[in-house]
Amino acid sequence: MTTIGLIGSGHIGSQLARLAVAHGYSVVLSNSRGPETLSDLVAELGPQARAATPAEAAAAGDLVVVTVPLAAEATLPVAELAGKIVIDTDNYYPQRDGNIPELDDESTTVAERLQAVLPTSKVVKAFNHIGAAALTTEGQAAGTPGRRALVVAGDDAEARDRVAALIDQFGFDAVDIGPLAEGWRIQRDTPGYVTRFDADGLREALAAAKRYRDM
């Protein structure tokens, strides 16, 4: 059974865990407060779930989701994540994260910054532009007209394909936008952010995105 490790088990992390268990995956959950704080969620998810430390979740996961405030990225278990596909759901909110100069001037993106923290991992941007509740309520079978679409970006094509397959399995069409550097097109305040689009509509929204510095 494929295992998904989760570093961060808040709104997005817990919903992705629910989706994963519903689709036959096992999950290893973690957060910054300790495994004992996840007992209720583990009980809800059942025998396919367990709680652990972030390092243990990273080591156990065939795929690992990082869904934490940006300041917490400095504490990620780099060695345990080496060589693994790491799904980055994070967004930059200065009011929460403080001002980060390289994100303010857009000389990099959130996911590229994470890739620099995890140089031997295969970072893939996904699940960052959908509300948590919609993850478990808006999924539909493949081929359904108007099926919601979600972006996937990453510098490793095979890793992108693997996460795109997961997105499809979870009930959404995947729109591949190429390398991590293109992730700015779906960051906060862009046309595609949070808004529901099918694949064609999302591609149009991505094409219409503007850099913050150009707004």
Protein backbone atom coordinates (compact mmCIF):
# COMPACT_ATOMS: atom_id res chain seq x y z
CA MET A 1 0.00 0.00 0.00
CA THR A 2 1.36 3.41 -0.96
CA THR A 3 1.93 5.73 1.98
CA ILE A 4 1.51 9.50 1.96
CA GLY A 5 3.38 11.37 4.65
CA LEU A 6 2.04 14.71 5.78
CA ILE A 7 4.15 17.39 7.38
CA GLY A 8 1.43 19.70 8.62
CA SER A 9 -2.03 18.38 9.42
CA GLY A 10 -4.14 21.51 9.51
CA HIS A 11 -7.01 22.39 7.17
CA ILE A 12 -5.35 21.30 3.90
CA GLY A 13 -3.30 18.47 5.39
CA SER A 14 -6.23 16.85 7.16
CA GLN A 15 -8.40 17.05 4.05
CA LEU A 16 -5.70 15.51 1.87
CA ALA A 17 -5.37 12.76 4.47
CA ARG A 18 -9.10 12.08 4.23
CA LEU A 19 -8.88 11.90 0.43
CA ALA A 20 -5.86 9.63 0.58
CA VAL A 21 -7.49 7.15 2.96
CA ALA A 22 -10.69 7.17 0.91
CA HIS A 23 -8.64 6.18 -2.13
CA GLY A 24 -6.77 3.34 -0.50
CA TYR A 25 -3.59 5.03 0.70
CA SER A 26 -2.13 4.82 4.17
CA VAL A 27 -1.17 8.13 5.77
CA VAL A 28 1.35 9.18 8.38
CA LEU A 29 0.37 12.50 9.90
CA SER A 30 2.57 14.99 11.72
CA ASN A 31 2.54 18.55 12.98
CA SER A 32 4.65 20.87 15.09
CA ARG A 33 2.80 20.09 18.32
CA GLY A 34 3.44 16.36 18.59
CA PRO A 35 1.74 13.10 17.55
CA GLU A 36 -0.50 13.02 20.60
CA THR A 37 -2.36 16.12 19.35
CA LEU A 38 -3.50 14.18 16.26
CA SER A 39 -5.28 11.37 18.08
CA ASP A 40 -8.78 12.52 17.14
CA LEU A 41 -7.93 12.79 13.45
CA VAL A 42 -6.20 9.41 13.46
CA ALA A 43 -9.24 7.86 15.14
CA GLU A 44 -11.49 9.37 12.47
CA LEU A 45 -9.32 8.10 9.63
CA GLY A 46 -9.05 4.59 10.96
CA PRO A 47 -6.41 1.86 10.66
CA GLN A 48 -4.79 3.31 7.54
CA ALA A 49 -3.61 6.33 9.54
CA ARG A 50 -1.09 6.93 12.27
CA ALA A 51 0.56 9.96 13.84
CA ALA A 52 4.31 10.52 14.03
CA THR A 53 6.98 13.20 14.09
CA PRO A 54 7.71 15.17 10.89
CA ALA A 55 10.92 13.18 10.38
CA GLU A 56 9.05 9.90 10.76
CA ALA A 57 6.29 11.03 8.39
CA ALA A 58 8.92 12.04 5.85
CA ALA A 59 10.74 8.73 6.15
CA ALA A 60 7.53 6.69 5.87
CA GLY A 61 6.00 8.49 2.91
CA ASP A 62 6.31 7.31 -0.66
CA LEU A 63 4.95 10.79 -1.39
CA VAL A 64 5.21 13.56 1.20
CA VAL A 65 2.98 16.63 1.50
CA VAL A 66 4.45 19.79 3.02
CA THR A 67 1.67 22.08 4.18
CA VAL A 68 3.12 24.44 6.78
CA PRO A 69 3.67 28.18 7.31
CA LEU A 70 6.76 29.30 5.40
CA ALA A 71 8.78 29.92 8.57
CA ALA A 72 8.49 26.23 9.41
CA GLU A 73 10.25 25.18 6.21
CA ALA A 74 13.59 25.80 7.94
CA THR A 75 12.81 22.91 10.28
CA LEU A 76 11.93 20.33 7.63
CA PRO A 77 13.69 16.94 7.84
CA VAL A 78 15.95 17.35 4.81
CA ALA A 79 17.68 13.99 5.07
CA GLU A 80 14.45 12.02 5.37
CA LEU A 81 13.00 13.83 2.34
CA ALA A 82 16.01 13.19 0.11
CA GLY A 83 15.08 11.72 -3.25
CA LYS A 84 11.35 11.86 -2.54
CA ILE A 85 8.50 13.61 -4.31
CA VAL A 86 7.45 16.48 -2.04
CA ILE A 87 4.09 18.11 -2.73
CA ASP A 88 4.17 21.80 -1.78
CA THR A 89 0.75 23.28 -0.96
CA ASP A 90 2.13 26.46 0.61
CA ASN A 91 1.31 30.08 -0.18
CA TYR A 92 2.95 33.32 0.85
CA TYR A 93 0.93 35.61 3.08
CA PRO A 94 3.09 38.49 4.39
CA GLN A 95 0.66 39.16 7.22
CA ARG A 96 1.29 35.62 8.48
CA ASP A 97 4.78 34.89 7.22
CA GLY A 98 6.36 38.33 7.57
CA ASN A 99 7.92 40.02 4.58
CA ILE A 100 10.26 37.75 2.63
CA PRO A 101 12.30 39.94 0.23
CA GLU A 102 12.83 37.34 -2.50
CA LEU A 103 9.10 36.65 -2.62
CA ASP A 104 8.18 40.32 -2.42
CA ASP A 105 10.38 41.17 -5.41
CA GLU A 106 9.40 37.92 -7.15
CA SER A 107 12.95 36.86 -7.81
CA THR A 108 11.77 33.38 -6.84
CA THR A 109 8.53 31.55 -6.03
CA VAL A 110 7.32 29.75 -2.93
CA ALA A 111 7.99 26.33 -4.44
CA GLU A 112 11.42 27.25 -5.81
CA ARG A 113 12.32 28.47 -2.34
CA LEU A 114 11.25 25.12 -0.89
CA GLN A 115 13.25 23.31 -3.57
CA ALA A 116 16.33 25.22 -2.40
CA VAL A 117 15.67 24.02 1.16
CA LEU A 118 15.27 20.44 -0.14
CA PRO A 119 17.88 20.26 -2.91
CA THR A 120 17.75 16.49 -3.31
CA SER A 121 13.95 16.20 -3.24
CA LYS A 122 11.58 16.51 -6.19
CA VAL A 123 9.30 19.39 -5.25
CA VAL A 124 5.94 19.60 -7.01
CA LYS A 125 3.52 22.48 -6.54
CA ALA A 126 -0.08 21.31 -6.12
CA PHE A 127 -3.24 21.81 -4.03
CA ASN A 128 -2.32 25.41 -3.16
CA HIS A 129 -5.22 27.15 -4.92
CA ILE A 130 -8.27 25.34 -3.61
CA GLY A 131 -10.09 25.84 -0.34
CA ALA A 132 -9.73 22.97 2.12
CA ALA A 133 -13.44 22.14 2.20
CA ALA A 134 -13.60 21.89 -1.59
CA LEU A 135 -11.01 19.12 -1.62
CA THR A 136 -13.51 16.63 -0.24
CA THR A 137 -16.70 18.07 -1.73
CA GLU A 138 -15.87 19.04 -5.33
CA GLY A 139 -14.08 15.99 -6.68
CA GLN A 140 -15.75 14.24 -9.61
CA ALA A 141 -15.13 11.23 -11.80
CA ALA A 142 -12.78 11.60 -14.75
CA GLY A 143 -14.60 12.78 -17.85
CA THR A 144 -17.33 14.62 -15.94
CA PRO A 145 -18.19 17.82 -17.88
CA GLY A 146 -16.97 20.90 -16.02
CA ARG A 147 -14.75 18.89 -13.67
CA ARG A 148 -12.66 21.19 -11.51
CA ALA A 149 -9.02 21.51 -12.49
CA LEU A 150 -5.92 21.95 -10.34
CA VAL A 151 -2.42 23.00 -11.31
CA VAL A 152 0.70 20.89 -11.07
CA ALA A 153 4.19 22.39 -11.50
CA GLY A 154 7.64 20.93 -10.93
CA ASP A 155 11.11 20.74 -12.37
CA ASP A 156 11.03 16.94 -12.59
CA ALA A 157 8.62 15.76 -15.31
CA GLU A 158 8.13 12.27 -13.84
CA ALA A 159 7.32 13.76 -10.44
CA ARG A 160 4.79 16.10 -12.07
CA ASP A 161 3.18 13.15 -13.79
CA ARG A 162 2.95 11.22 -10.52
CA VAL A 163 1.26 14.09 -8.74
CA ALA A 164 -1.01 14.75 -11.72
CA ALA A 165 -2.17 11.13 -11.47
CA LEU A 166 -2.89 11.66 -7.76
CA ILE A 167 -4.89 14.81 -8.54
CA ASP A 168 -6.94 12.86 -11.07
CA GLN A 169 -7.49 10.02 -8.60
CA PHE A 170 -8.69 12.54 -6.00
CA GLY A 171 -11.34 13.83 -8.42
CA PHE A 172 -9.83 16.74 -10.32
CA ASP A 173 -8.33 17.37 -13.74
CA ALA A 174 -4.63 18.24 -13.62
CA VAL A 175 -3.26 21.17 -15.62
CA ASP A 176 0.50 20.85 -16.01
CA ILE A 177 2.18 24.26 -16.18
CA GLY A 178 5.75 23.01 -16.33
CA PRO A 179 8.59 24.10 -14.05
CA LEU A 180 8.34 25.47 -10.53
CA ALA A 181 9.16 28.94 -11.82
CA GLU A 182 5.70 29.07 -13.42
CA GLY A 183 4.03 28.62 -10.03
CA TRP A 184 3.62 32.38 -9.68
CA ARG A 185 0.70 32.09 -12.09
CA ILE A 186 -1.42 30.46 -9.38
CA GLN A 187 -0.20 32.33 -6.30
CA ARG A 188 -2.54 34.40 -4.12
CA ASP A 189 -4.50 37.19 -5.85
CA THR A 190 -4.12 35.72 -9.33
CA PRO A 191 -7.24 34.97 -11.41
CA GLY A 192 -7.02 31.21 -10.85
CA TYR A 193 -6.42 31.33 -7.12
CA VAL A 194 -9.20 29.60 -5.12
CA THR A 195 -11.76 30.23 -7.89
CA ARG A 196 -13.31 27.11 -9.38
CA PHE A 197 -12.44 26.49 -13.05
CA ASP A 198 -12.52 23.52 -15.37
CA ALA A 199 -9.32 22.78 -17.27
CA ASP A 200 -9.96 25.22 -20.12
CA GLY A 201 -11.04 27.96 -17.76
CA LEU A 202 -8.01 27.43 -15.55
CA ARG A 203 -5.66 27.66 -18.52
CA GLU A 204 -7.26 30.98 -19.45
CA ALA A 205 -6.89 32.22 -15.88
CA LEU A 206 -3.24 31.18 -15.82
CA ALA A 207 -2.58 33.02 -19.08
CA ALA A 208 -4.21 36.17 -17.65
CA ALA A 209 -2.11 36.17 -14.46
CA LYS A 210 0.11 39.15 -13.81
CA ARG A 211 3.13 39.53 -11.59
CA TYR A 212 2.49 41.52 -8.42
CA ARG A 213 5.11 44.02 -9.58
CA ASP A 214 3.15 44.60 -12.78
CA MET A 215 -0.21 45.18 -11.09
